[in-house]
Amino acid sequence: FTLIEMLVALSVFSLAVLALLNLSGENARTATLVHEQVLAGVVADNRAVEALLMPMADLAAANVGVEEAGGAPWRWSRTLADTSDPAIVRVDVQVRHPDAPQVLAHLSVFRSRQ
């Protein structure tokens, strides 16, 4: 092999290594995001079940809070919305990481007004 061929082969190999390193970094970032979304989903599920079980008067009063899941605090908010059926109300739950405005989990459930 000539020196030029070796340099070309080495540059192609280095580009492949750089691509694999970039892929590894993206994979780690995606894994972190998925982990946060799963924990936020667990918090949203907990708040939705609580909304289905608690009395309507208490449900209307408690609409924001912080819950710990996976060793981290999660900020949740719960809103009530009317539906076309006056006997049913929609409960929307949103969960965010305390340091970020981005909603990581959103869940809607329906329940009776009684």
N, C-alpha and C. Protein backbone atom coordinates (compact mmCIF):
# COMPACT_ATOMS: atom_id res chain seq x y z
N PHE A 1 0.85 -1.19 0.00
CA PHE A 1 0.00 0.00 0.00
C PHE A 1 0.88 1.24 0.00
N THR A 2 0.36 2.26 -0.64
CA THR A 2 1.11 3.52 -0.63
C THR A 2 0.68 4.35 0.56
N LEU A 3 1.44 5.37 0.83
CA LEU A 3 1.14 6.25 1.94
C LEU A 3 -0.20 6.95 1.74
N ILE A 4 -0.52 7.34 0.54
CA ILE A 4 -1.79 8.02 0.25
C ILE A 4 -2.96 7.08 0.52
N GLU A 5 -2.85 5.85 0.12
CA GLU A 5 -3.92 4.89 0.37
C GLU A 5 -4.13 4.68 1.86
N MET A 6 -3.04 4.62 2.59
CA MET A 6 -3.15 4.46 4.05
C MET A 6 -3.82 5.68 4.69
N LEU A 7 -3.48 6.88 4.24
CA LEU A 7 -4.10 8.09 4.79
C LEU A 7 -5.59 8.14 4.47
N VAL A 8 -5.97 7.75 3.27
CA VAL A 8 -7.38 7.73 2.90
C VAL A 8 -8.13 6.70 3.75
N ALA A 9 -7.55 5.53 3.90
CA ALA A 9 -8.20 4.49 4.72
C ALA A 9 -8.33 4.95 6.17
N LEU A 10 -7.30 5.59 6.69
CA LEU A 10 -7.35 6.09 8.06
C LEU A 10 -8.39 7.19 8.23
N SER A 11 -8.54 8.06 7.25
CA SER A 11 -9.55 9.12 7.35
C SER A 11 -10.96 8.54 7.28
N VAL A 12 -11.18 7.54 6.44
CA VAL A 12 -12.50 6.88 6.36
C VAL A 12 -12.81 6.19 7.69
N PHE A 13 -11.83 5.51 8.24
CA PHE A 13 -12.01 4.85 9.53
C PHE A 13 -12.31 5.86 10.63
N SER A 14 -11.62 6.99 10.64
CA SER A 14 -11.86 8.00 11.67
C SER A 14 -13.25 8.61 11.54
N LEU A 15 -13.73 8.78 10.32
CA LEU A 15 -15.11 9.28 10.14
C LEU A 15 -16.12 8.29 10.68
N ALA A 16 -15.89 7.01 10.47
CA ALA A 16 -16.79 5.99 11.00
C ALA A 16 -16.79 6.00 12.53
N VAL A 17 -15.61 6.15 13.13
CA VAL A 17 -15.52 6.20 14.59
C VAL A 17 -16.25 7.43 15.13
N LEU A 18 -16.08 8.58 14.47
CA LEU A 18 -16.78 9.79 14.90
C LEU A 18 -18.29 9.63 14.81
N ALA A 19 -18.76 8.98 13.76
CA ALA A 19 -20.20 8.74 13.62
C ALA A 19 -20.71 7.85 14.74
N LEU A 20 -19.96 6.82 15.10
CA LEU A 20 -20.37 5.94 16.19
C LEU A 20 -20.36 6.65 17.54
N LEU A 21 -19.38 7.52 17.77
CA LEU A 21 -19.35 8.30 19.01
C LEU A 21 -20.55 9.24 19.09
N ASN A 22 -20.89 9.87 17.97
CA ASN A 22 -22.06 10.75 17.95
C ASN A 22 -23.34 9.96 18.22
N LEU A 23 -23.44 8.78 17.64
CA LEU A 23 -24.61 7.93 17.86
C LEU A 23 -24.72 7.53 19.33
N SER A 24 -23.59 7.24 19.95
CA SER A 24 -23.59 6.88 21.36
C SER A 24 -24.07 8.04 22.23
N GLY A 25 -23.64 9.25 21.92
CA GLY A 25 -24.10 10.42 22.67
C GLY A 25 -25.59 10.67 22.50
N GLU A 26 -26.09 10.53 21.29
CA GLU A 26 -27.52 10.70 21.04
C GLU A 26 -28.32 9.63 21.79
N ASN A 27 -27.80 8.42 21.82
CA ASN A 27 -28.47 7.34 22.52
C ASN A 27 -28.58 7.63 24.01
N ALA A 28 -27.53 8.17 24.60
CA ALA A 28 -27.56 8.51 26.03
C ALA A 28 -28.57 9.63 26.30
N ARG A 29 -28.60 10.64 25.44
CA ARG A 29 -29.57 11.73 25.62
C ARG A 29 -31.00 11.23 25.49
N THR A 30 -31.25 10.36 24.52
CA THR A 30 -32.59 9.81 24.32
C THR A 30 -33.01 8.95 25.51
N ALA A 31 -32.09 8.17 26.04
CA ALA A 31 -32.40 7.33 27.20
C ALA A 31 -32.79 8.18 28.40
N THR A 32 -32.11 9.30 28.59
CA THR A 32 -32.45 10.20 29.70
C THR A 32 -33.84 10.79 29.50
N LEU A 33 -34.15 11.21 28.28
CA LEU A 33 -35.47 11.79 28.00
C LEU A 33 -36.57 10.76 28.20
N VAL A 34 -36.36 9.54 27.75
CA VAL A 34 -37.36 8.49 27.93
C VAL A 34 -37.56 8.19 29.41
N HIS A 35 -36.48 8.16 30.17
CA HIS A 35 -36.57 7.93 31.62
C HIS A 35 -37.41 9.01 32.28
N GLU A 36 -37.18 10.26 31.92
CA GLU A 36 -37.96 11.36 32.50
C GLU A 36 -39.43 11.26 32.09
N GLN A 37 -39.69 10.92 30.83
CA GLN A 37 -41.08 10.82 30.38
C GLN A 37 -41.82 9.67 31.07
N VAL A 38 -41.13 8.58 31.32
CA VAL A 38 -41.77 7.46 32.03
C VAL A 38 -42.12 7.86 33.46
N LEU A 39 -41.18 8.50 34.15
CA LEU A 39 -41.46 8.94 35.53
C LEU A 39 -42.57 9.97 35.56
N ALA A 40 -42.57 10.91 34.61
CA ALA A 40 -43.64 11.90 34.55
C ALA A 40 -44.98 11.22 34.26
N GLY A 41 -44.98 10.18 33.44
CA GLY A 41 -46.20 9.43 33.17
C GLY A 41 -46.73 8.72 34.40
N VAL A 42 -45.83 8.22 35.23
CA VAL A 42 -46.25 7.58 36.49
C VAL A 42 -46.91 8.61 37.40
N VAL A 43 -46.32 9.81 37.48
CA VAL A 43 -46.91 10.87 38.30
C VAL A 43 -48.28 11.26 37.75
N ALA A 44 -48.39 11.38 36.43
CA ALA A 44 -49.68 11.73 35.81
C ALA A 44 -50.73 10.65 36.10
N ASP A 45 -50.33 9.40 36.00
CA ASP A 45 -51.26 8.30 36.33
C ASP A 45 -51.71 8.37 37.79
N ASN A 46 -50.77 8.63 38.69
CA ASN A 46 -51.13 8.74 40.11
C ASN A 46 -52.13 9.87 40.35
N ARG A 47 -51.88 11.01 39.75
CA ARG A 47 -52.78 12.16 39.93
C ARG A 47 -54.14 11.92 39.28
N ALA A 48 -54.17 11.20 38.16
CA ALA A 48 -55.44 10.90 37.50
C ALA A 48 -56.28 9.94 38.34
N VAL A 49 -55.65 8.92 38.89
CA VAL A 49 -56.38 7.98 39.75
C VAL A 49 -56.89 8.71 40.98
N GLU A 50 -56.06 9.58 41.54
CA GLU A 50 -56.51 10.37 42.69
C GLU A 50 -57.71 11.23 42.32
N ALA A 51 -57.69 11.81 41.11
CA ALA A 51 -58.82 12.64 40.67
C ALA A 51 -60.09 11.83 40.51
N LEU A 52 -59.96 10.57 40.13
CA LEU A 52 -61.15 9.73 39.98
C LEU A 52 -61.73 9.32 41.33
N LEU A 53 -60.90 9.27 42.36
CA LEU A 53 -61.36 8.76 43.66
C LEU A 53 -61.75 9.86 44.65
N MET A 54 -61.23 11.06 44.51
CA MET A 54 -61.50 12.08 45.51
C MET A 54 -62.84 12.79 45.26
N PRO A 55 -63.44 13.35 46.31
CA PRO A 55 -64.69 14.09 46.15
C PRO A 55 -64.50 15.31 45.26
N MET A 56 -65.56 15.71 44.57
CA MET A 56 -65.49 16.84 43.65
C MET A 56 -65.05 18.12 44.33
N ALA A 57 -65.48 18.36 45.56
CA ALA A 57 -65.09 19.60 46.26
C ALA A 57 -63.58 19.64 46.47
N ASP A 58 -63.00 18.52 46.85
CA ASP A 58 -61.56 18.45 47.04
C ASP A 58 -60.82 18.53 45.71
N LEU A 59 -61.40 17.97 44.68
CA LEU A 59 -60.78 17.96 43.36
C LEU A 59 -60.66 19.38 42.82
N ALA A 60 -61.68 20.18 43.03
CA ALA A 60 -61.64 21.56 42.54
C ALA A 60 -60.64 22.40 43.33
N ALA A 61 -60.39 22.05 44.58
CA ALA A 61 -59.50 22.86 45.42
C ALA A 61 -58.03 22.56 45.16
N ALA A 62 -57.66 21.32 45.01
CA ALA A 62 -56.25 20.95 44.85
C ALA A 62 -55.92 20.83 43.37
N ASN A 63 -55.27 21.86 42.78
CA ASN A 63 -55.02 21.82 41.35
C ASN A 63 -53.54 21.89 40.96
N VAL A 64 -52.64 22.11 41.91
CA VAL A 64 -51.20 22.09 41.63
C VAL A 64 -50.47 21.45 42.79
N GLY A 65 -49.30 20.92 42.52
CA GLY A 65 -48.52 20.32 43.58
C GLY A 65 -47.22 19.75 43.07
N VAL A 66 -46.48 19.16 43.99
CA VAL A 66 -45.21 18.53 43.67
C VAL A 66 -45.22 17.12 44.25
N GLU A 67 -44.81 16.15 43.45
CA GLU A 67 -44.73 14.76 43.89
C GLU A 67 -43.34 14.25 43.57
N GLU A 68 -42.81 13.41 44.43
CA GLU A 68 -41.50 12.84 44.18
C GLU A 68 -41.66 11.45 43.56
N ALA A 69 -40.91 11.23 42.49
CA ALA A 69 -40.90 9.92 41.83
C ALA A 69 -39.50 9.69 41.27
N GLY A 70 -38.96 8.53 41.52
CA GLY A 70 -37.63 8.23 41.03
C GLY A 70 -36.55 9.08 41.64
N GLY A 71 -36.79 9.57 42.84
CA GLY A 71 -35.80 10.40 43.52
C GLY A 71 -35.76 11.83 43.05
N ALA A 72 -36.72 12.25 42.24
CA ALA A 72 -36.74 13.62 41.73
C ALA A 72 -38.13 14.22 41.95
N PRO A 73 -38.21 15.52 42.20
CA PRO A 73 -39.52 16.16 42.33
C PRO A 73 -40.13 16.43 40.96
N TRP A 74 -41.45 16.30 40.88
CA TRP A 74 -42.19 16.55 39.64
C TRP A 74 -43.33 17.51 39.94
N ARG A 75 -43.44 18.55 39.16
CA ARG A 75 -44.49 19.55 39.33
C ARG A 75 -45.68 19.14 38.47
N TRP A 76 -46.84 19.01 39.10
CA TRP A 76 -48.03 18.61 38.37
C TRP A 76 -49.10 19.68 38.51
N SER A 77 -49.96 19.75 37.51
CA SER A 77 -51.13 20.65 37.56
C SER A 77 -52.33 19.88 37.03
N ARG A 78 -53.47 20.20 37.61
CA ARG A 78 -54.70 19.50 37.26
C ARG A 78 -55.77 20.54 36.99
N THR A 79 -56.44 20.43 35.86
CA THR A 79 -57.51 21.37 35.51
C THR A 79 -58.79 20.59 35.21
N LEU A 80 -59.89 21.22 35.52
CA LEU A 80 -61.21 20.64 35.24
C LEU A 80 -61.82 21.36 34.05
N ALA A 81 -62.52 20.61 33.21
CA ALA A 81 -63.19 21.20 32.05
C ALA A 81 -64.56 20.56 31.89
N ASP A 82 -65.52 21.38 31.54
CA ASP A 82 -66.87 20.86 31.29
C ASP A 82 -66.90 20.06 30.00
N THR A 83 -67.84 19.15 29.92
CA THR A 83 -68.07 18.38 28.70
C THR A 83 -69.47 18.67 28.20
N SER A 84 -69.84 18.09 27.09
CA SER A 84 -71.19 18.30 26.56
C SER A 84 -72.25 17.66 27.44
N ASP A 85 -71.86 16.69 28.24
CA ASP A 85 -72.76 16.06 29.20
C ASP A 85 -72.57 16.76 30.55
N PRO A 86 -73.61 17.40 31.09
CA PRO A 86 -73.43 18.13 32.35
C PRO A 86 -73.10 17.24 33.55
N ALA A 87 -73.30 15.94 33.44
CA ALA A 87 -73.01 15.05 34.56
C ALA A 87 -71.56 14.56 34.56
N ILE A 88 -70.80 14.90 33.50
CA ILE A 88 -69.42 14.41 33.38
C ILE A 88 -68.47 15.59 33.26
N VAL A 89 -67.32 15.47 33.89
CA VAL A 89 -66.28 16.50 33.84
C VAL A 89 -64.97 15.85 33.34
N ARG A 90 -64.21 16.62 32.57
CA ARG A 90 -62.90 16.14 32.11
C ARG A 90 -61.82 16.69 33.04
N VAL A 91 -60.91 15.83 33.43
CA VAL A 91 -59.80 16.22 34.30
C VAL A 91 -58.52 16.05 33.48
N ASP A 92 -57.79 17.16 33.30
CA ASP A 92 -56.52 17.15 32.57
C ASP A 92 -55.38 17.26 33.57
N VAL A 93 -54.40 16.39 33.43
CA VAL A 93 -53.22 16.39 34.31
C VAL A 93 -51.99 16.63 33.44
N GLN A 94 -51.18 17.60 33.84
CA GLN A 94 -49.91 17.86 33.16
C GLN A 94 -48.78 17.76 34.17
N VAL A 95 -47.68 17.16 33.75
CA VAL A 95 -46.53 16.97 34.63
C VAL A 95 -45.29 17.56 33.96
N ARG A 96 -44.54 18.34 34.76
CA ARG A 96 -43.31 18.96 34.28
C ARG A 96 -42.19 18.68 35.27
N HIS A 97 -40.97 18.75 34.75
CA HIS A 97 -39.82 18.74 35.65
C HIS A 97 -39.76 20.12 36.29
N PRO A 98 -39.43 20.24 37.57
CA PRO A 98 -39.46 21.55 38.23
C PRO A 98 -38.58 22.61 37.58
N ASP A 99 -37.53 22.19 36.90
CA ASP A 99 -36.61 23.17 36.30
C ASP A 99 -36.94 23.53 34.87
N ALA A 100 -37.93 22.88 34.26
CA ALA A 100 -38.21 23.10 32.84
C ALA A 100 -39.69 23.38 32.62
N PRO A 101 -40.00 24.26 31.68
CA PRO A 101 -41.41 24.55 31.38
C PRO A 101 -42.07 23.49 30.49
N GLN A 102 -41.29 22.61 29.88
CA GLN A 102 -41.80 21.62 28.95
C GLN A 102 -42.65 20.56 29.65
N VAL A 103 -43.83 20.30 29.09
CA VAL A 103 -44.70 19.25 29.63
C VAL A 103 -44.16 17.90 29.20
N LEU A 104 -43.86 17.04 30.16
CA LEU A 104 -43.33 15.72 29.86
C LEU A 104 -44.42 14.65 29.80
N ALA A 105 -45.55 14.89 30.47
CA ALA A 105 -46.65 13.94 30.43
C ALA A 105 -47.97 14.70 30.52
N HIS A 106 -48.92 14.29 29.72
CA HIS A 106 -50.26 14.89 29.73
C HIS A 106 -51.27 13.76 29.69
N LEU A 107 -52.28 13.85 30.54
CA LEU A 107 -53.27 12.78 30.64
C LEU A 107 -54.64 13.40 30.90
N SER A 108 -55.66 12.87 30.23
CA SER A 108 -57.04 13.31 30.45
C SER A 108 -57.88 12.12 30.87
N VAL A 109 -58.72 12.34 31.89
CA VAL A 109 -59.67 11.33 32.32
C VAL A 109 -61.03 11.98 32.48
N PHE A 110 -62.07 11.17 32.43
CA PHE A 110 -63.44 11.65 32.60
C PHE A 110 -64.02 11.01 33.83
N ARG A 111 -64.81 11.79 34.56
CA ARG A 111 -65.47 11.26 35.75
C ARG A 111 -66.81 11.96 35.95
N SER A 112 -67.65 11.35 36.76
CA SER A 112 -68.95 11.96 37.05
C SER A 112 -68.78 13.09 38.04
N ARG A 113 -69.74 13.97 38.06
CA ARG A 113 -69.67 15.11 38.99
C ARG A 113 -70.06 14.70 40.41
N GLN A 114 -70.67 13.54 40.63
CA GLN A 114 -71.06 13.14 41.97
C GLN A 114 -69.89 12.58 42.73
